Amino acid sequence: MRLAFLGTGSAFSLERYNGAVVVDGRILLDAGAPLLPHMHRLGIDPGDIQALFLTHFHGDHVLGLPTFMLHRALVDPRPFTIVGPAGVEAFLERLFELCWGEEWAGGPNFRERSQVSYREAGEGGEVAGLDYEALRLDHGARGCTGYRLHVDGRVLAYAGDTTMSAPLEKLVEGAHVAVTEATGPGNPYSHTGWEEALGLAARHPATRFFFNHLYSGSIEHAAGDLEIADV
C-alpha cells in the first residue's frame, strides 16, 4: 500500500498544506491540498484517481476539488466517484457552480464532461473495486465520516477530523494502517490533541499510525507534506 500525503496541515496552519492523501495512485482521501500540482510533483496522474472518500464539508477538506474537477472535465475525462456524508452531491454541486458558474452544469457542461458521480457513504459499500465501511465520528456540529478501506487484503482506517472518542477507537481497531489527526498539544476544540493521538497509537500497537492535520511543529508518527510512505 502506497500513501502519498499531498498535505498534512490543519485548516489555518502556516507551515503545512491542507489535508489530502492518495492511496495506491487511484484513491483520494479528502481534497484540501493544491491537488493538481502536488500530484504532479509526486508523479501521480490526476486522471488515474477513480474515487474520492470525503469525510466532511469543511473548507480545508474540499477546496482543492474545484480545480481538480476542471482538469477532469477538460483534460482527462474518466469516470470518477465521490463518496461522502449525506448531502454530498447537493453541497459539491453548489460549490462547483459557485466556482465555475453556468459553465459547470450548462453551456459547455463541465459536470457531464467530468463524468463525476456521487454516492452517500451510508454504512458501507463498494466503490472502484474497494470495499469500505463508514462510521460517524465526533467533529463540530455536523460530525465527520470515518472510513475503513479494504486494500488488497489489508484495512486502512482514515479518520478525517474528530475528537478522541469511542467511535474513533472502533475505527482503528484491528486496522493495519491508520491515518488520524493530531492538531496540536492540549485539547484543541473539536479535534484530537497530541497527547490523545499518541495514547491512541499506544493502545493499538499492531497498527501503523500516520498523524495529519497538524497546526505547527511535529510529533512522533506525524506525516509530512509531499511524503510518500510504502506500508
Protein backbone atom coordinates (compact mmCIF):
# COMPACT_ATOMS: atom_id res chain seq x y z
CA MET A 1 0.00 0.00 0.00
CA ARG A 2 1.42 3.37 -1.02
CA LEU A 3 0.27 6.55 0.72
CA ALA A 4 1.07 9.91 -0.85
CA PHE A 5 0.44 12.82 1.53
CA LEU A 6 -0.43 15.86 -0.58
CA GLY A 7 -0.98 17.92 2.56
CA THR A 8 -0.99 17.28 6.32
CA GLY A 9 -1.95 20.58 7.95
CA SER A 10 -4.90 21.94 9.87
CA ALA A 11 -7.26 24.49 8.35
CA PHE A 12 -5.17 27.56 9.21
CA SER A 13 -1.70 26.09 9.52
CA LEU A 14 1.14 28.41 8.50
CA GLU A 15 3.55 25.52 7.95
CA ARG A 16 1.58 22.78 6.18
CA TYR A 17 -0.86 22.38 3.33
CA ASN A 18 -4.43 21.29 3.99
CA GLY A 19 -5.05 17.57 4.12
CA ALA A 20 -5.34 15.13 1.23
CA VAL A 21 -3.96 11.61 0.77
CA VAL A 22 -3.69 9.44 -2.34
CA VAL A 23 -3.78 5.65 -1.87
CA ASP A 24 -2.05 3.49 -4.48
CA GLY A 25 -2.30 6.24 -7.06
CA ARG A 26 -6.05 5.82 -7.53
CA ILE A 27 -7.99 6.64 -4.35
CA LEU A 28 -8.15 10.16 -2.90
CA LEU A 29 -8.91 10.79 0.77
CA ASP A 30 -10.22 14.33 1.26
CA ALA A 31 -9.32 17.17 -1.07
CA GLY A 32 -7.83 20.11 0.79
CA ALA A 33 -4.33 20.47 -0.65
CA PRO A 34 -3.48 22.03 -4.03
CA LEU A 35 -4.29 18.69 -5.63
CA LEU A 36 -3.05 19.08 -9.18
CA PRO A 37 0.48 20.49 -8.64
CA HIS A 38 1.09 18.22 -5.66
CA MET A 39 0.01 15.12 -7.56
CA HIS A 40 2.27 16.19 -10.42
CA ARG A 41 5.24 16.67 -8.08
CA LEU A 42 4.75 13.15 -6.71
CA GLY A 43 4.31 11.50 -10.09
CA ILE A 44 0.58 10.83 -9.69
CA ASP A 45 -1.68 11.15 -12.74
CA PRO A 46 -4.85 13.06 -11.70
CA GLY A 47 -6.78 11.11 -14.33
CA ASP A 48 -5.99 7.84 -12.57
CA ILE A 49 -8.00 8.84 -9.47
CA GLN A 50 -11.08 6.64 -9.52
CA ALA A 51 -12.77 7.65 -6.27
CA LEU A 52 -12.69 10.31 -3.57
CA PHE A 53 -13.71 9.49 0.01
CA LEU A 54 -14.77 12.78 1.60
CA THR A 55 -15.06 12.92 5.38
CA HIS A 56 -16.92 16.22 5.79
CA PHE A 57 -17.60 19.55 4.13
CA HIS A 58 -15.22 21.94 5.91
CA GLY A 59 -13.19 24.12 3.57
CA ASP A 60 -9.80 22.60 4.34
CA HIS A 61 -11.13 19.24 3.12
CA VAL A 62 -12.90 20.29 -0.11
CA LEU A 63 -11.39 23.47 -1.56
CA GLY A 64 -8.76 21.68 -3.65
CA LEU A 65 -11.57 19.97 -5.53
CA PRO A 66 -12.96 22.64 -7.93
CA THR A 67 -9.73 22.94 -9.95
CA PHE A 68 -9.27 19.16 -9.89
CA MET A 69 -12.75 18.74 -11.37
CA LEU A 70 -11.98 21.22 -14.13
CA HIS A 71 -8.93 19.15 -15.06
CA ARG A 72 -11.08 16.03 -15.17
CA ALA A 73 -13.61 17.81 -17.40
CA LEU A 74 -11.21 19.45 -19.85
CA VAL A 75 -8.02 17.35 -19.84
CA ASP A 76 -8.71 13.77 -18.77
CA PRO A 77 -12.41 12.86 -18.50
CA ARG A 78 -12.80 9.40 -16.99
CA PRO A 79 -15.47 8.02 -14.63
CA PHE A 80 -14.92 9.32 -11.11
CA THR A 81 -17.00 8.68 -7.96
CA ILE A 82 -17.20 10.94 -4.93
CA VAL A 83 -18.28 9.21 -1.71
CA GLY A 84 -19.28 11.41 1.20
CA PRO A 85 -21.70 12.21 4.01
CA ALA A 86 -25.41 12.73 3.42
CA GLY A 87 -25.99 15.66 1.07
CA VAL A 88 -22.63 15.30 -0.69
CA GLU A 89 -24.00 15.85 -4.19
CA ALA A 90 -26.01 18.96 -3.33
CA PHE A 91 -23.14 20.51 -1.38
CA LEU A 92 -20.46 19.94 -4.00
CA GLU A 93 -22.67 20.93 -6.90
CA ARG A 94 -23.27 24.28 -5.17
CA LEU A 95 -19.52 24.65 -4.68
CA PHE A 96 -18.71 23.86 -8.31
CA GLU A 97 -21.42 26.20 -9.61
CA LEU A 98 -20.06 28.96 -7.35
CA CYS A 99 -16.57 28.42 -8.78
CA TRP A 100 -17.39 27.87 -12.46
CA GLY A 101 -20.80 29.49 -12.89
CA GLU A 102 -23.11 28.37 -15.66
CA GLU A 103 -20.27 26.57 -17.42
CA TRP A 104 -20.41 23.84 -14.78
CA ALA A 105 -23.89 22.48 -15.49
CA GLY A 106 -24.88 24.43 -18.60
CA GLY A 107 -23.14 25.76 -21.69
CA PRO A 108 -20.03 23.57 -22.08
CA ASN A 109 -21.39 21.40 -19.22
CA PHE A 110 -18.20 20.68 -17.31
CA ARG A 111 -20.13 18.39 -14.98
CA GLU A 112 -21.16 15.99 -17.73
CA ARG A 113 -17.73 16.07 -19.30
CA SER A 114 -16.05 15.27 -15.98
CA GLN A 115 -18.04 12.01 -15.70
CA VAL A 116 -18.43 12.55 -11.96
CA SER A 117 -20.96 10.56 -9.94
CA TYR A 118 -21.87 10.79 -6.28
CA ARG A 119 -22.62 8.28 -3.55
CA GLU A 120 -23.64 8.88 0.03
CA ALA A 121 -21.40 6.74 2.21
CA GLY A 122 -24.13 5.10 4.30
CA GLU A 123 -22.73 2.32 6.47
CA GLY A 124 -20.52 0.91 3.73
CA GLY A 125 -20.36 -0.43 0.21
CA GLU A 126 -18.06 -0.92 -2.75
CA VAL A 127 -16.52 1.77 -4.95
CA ALA A 128 -13.81 1.42 -7.59
CA GLY A 129 -13.35 -2.23 -6.65
CA LEU A 130 -12.80 -1.31 -2.99
CA ASP A 131 -14.99 -2.47 -0.12
CA TYR A 132 -15.41 0.05 2.69
CA GLU A 133 -17.21 0.67 5.96
CA ALA A 134 -18.19 4.14 7.19
CA LEU A 135 -18.50 5.30 10.80
CA ARG A 136 -19.78 8.59 12.16
CA LEU A 137 -17.16 10.42 14.20
CA ASP A 138 -17.48 13.43 16.51
CA HIS A 139 -16.45 16.74 14.97
CA GLY A 140 -18.16 20.11 15.20
CA ALA A 141 -21.88 20.50 14.71
CA ARG A 142 -22.30 18.04 11.84
CA GLY A 143 -19.79 15.32 12.67
CA CYS A 144 -17.41 13.58 10.30
CA THR A 145 -17.42 10.31 8.38
CA GLY A 146 -14.51 7.97 9.01
CA TYR A 147 -13.71 5.12 6.62
CA ARG A 148 -12.24 1.64 6.79
CA LEU A 149 -10.98 0.75 3.32
CA HIS A 150 -10.10 -2.81 2.36
CA VAL A 151 -7.00 -2.55 0.19
CA ASP A 152 -5.51 -5.80 -1.11
CA GLY A 153 -6.49 -7.77 1.98
CA ARG A 154 -5.46 -5.05 4.44
CA VAL A 155 -7.50 -2.43 6.28
CA LEU A 156 -6.73 1.29 6.09
CA ALA A 157 -8.57 3.42 8.66
CA TYR A 158 -8.99 7.09 7.75
CA ALA A 159 -10.48 9.49 10.27
CA GLY A 160 -10.51 12.98 8.80
CA ASP A 161 -11.20 15.33 11.74
CA THR A 162 -12.50 14.12 15.10
CA THR A 163 -12.26 14.35 18.83
CA MET A 164 -10.93 11.40 20.79
CA SER A 165 -13.94 9.13 21.26
CA ALA A 166 -15.23 5.57 21.32
CA PRO A 167 -16.11 5.71 17.58
CA LEU A 168 -12.51 6.63 16.77
CA GLU A 169 -11.26 3.67 18.80
CA LYS A 170 -13.66 1.45 16.85
CA LEU A 171 -12.49 2.90 13.54
CA VAL A 172 -8.83 1.99 14.09
CA GLU A 173 -9.41 -1.31 15.92
CA GLY A 174 -7.66 -4.10 14.01
CA ALA A 175 -6.61 -1.84 11.12
CA HIS A 176 -3.22 -2.46 9.56
CA VAL A 177 -2.72 1.26 8.84
CA ALA A 178 -4.45 4.31 10.31
CA VAL A 179 -4.35 7.95 9.23
CA THR A 180 -5.75 10.04 12.08
CA GLU A 181 -5.43 13.61 13.20
CA ALA A 182 -3.24 15.31 15.81
CA THR A 183 -3.97 19.02 15.63
CA GLY A 184 -1.84 20.30 18.50
CA PRO A 185 -0.93 19.92 22.17
CA GLY A 186 -3.60 20.04 24.86
CA ASN A 187 -7.26 19.93 23.92
CA PRO A 188 -7.86 21.72 20.62
CA TYR A 189 -11.55 22.46 20.05
CA SER A 190 -13.36 19.67 18.18
CA HIS A 191 -10.08 17.91 17.35
CA THR A 192 -7.61 15.37 18.72
CA GLY A 193 -4.70 16.65 20.80
CA TRP A 194 -1.16 15.36 20.51
CA GLU A 195 -1.25 13.53 23.81
CA GLU A 196 -4.56 11.89 22.88
CA ALA A 197 -3.25 10.83 19.47
CA LEU A 198 -0.12 9.28 20.96
CA GLY A 199 -2.28 7.47 23.52
CA LEU A 200 -4.47 6.10 20.71
CA ALA A 201 -1.41 4.75 18.90
CA ALA A 202 -0.12 3.19 22.11
CA ARG A 203 -3.44 1.37 22.65
CA HIS A 204 -3.25 -0.13 19.13
CA PRO A 205 0.40 -1.20 18.81
CA ALA A 206 -0.22 -3.51 15.84
CA THR A 207 -1.48 -0.61 13.71
CA ARG A 208 0.89 1.63 11.75
CA PHE A 209 -0.19 5.20 12.51
CA PHE A 210 0.27 8.37 10.48
CA PHE A 211 -0.86 11.64 12.05
CA ASN A 212 -2.07 14.56 9.97
CA HIS A 213 -3.99 17.84 10.46
CA LEU A 214 -1.15 19.37 12.46
CA TYR A 215 -1.21 23.12 13.05
CA SER A 216 2.52 23.57 13.69
CA GLY A 217 5.52 21.60 14.80
CA SER A 218 5.65 17.83 14.70
CA ILE A 219 5.39 14.72 16.84
CA GLU A 220 6.15 11.03 16.53
CA HIS A 221 4.12 9.36 13.73
CA ALA A 222 3.40 12.70 12.03
CA ALA A 223 3.30 12.56 8.25
CA GLY A 224 4.86 15.33 6.19
CA ASP A 225 3.67 17.29 3.18
CA LEU A 226 4.61 15.60 -0.11
CA GLU A 227 5.74 12.47 1.75
CA ILE A 228 5.32 9.03 0.21
CA ALA A 229 5.09 6.01 2.51
CA ASP A 230 5.04 2.37 1.41
CA VAL A 231 3.40 0.32 4.15
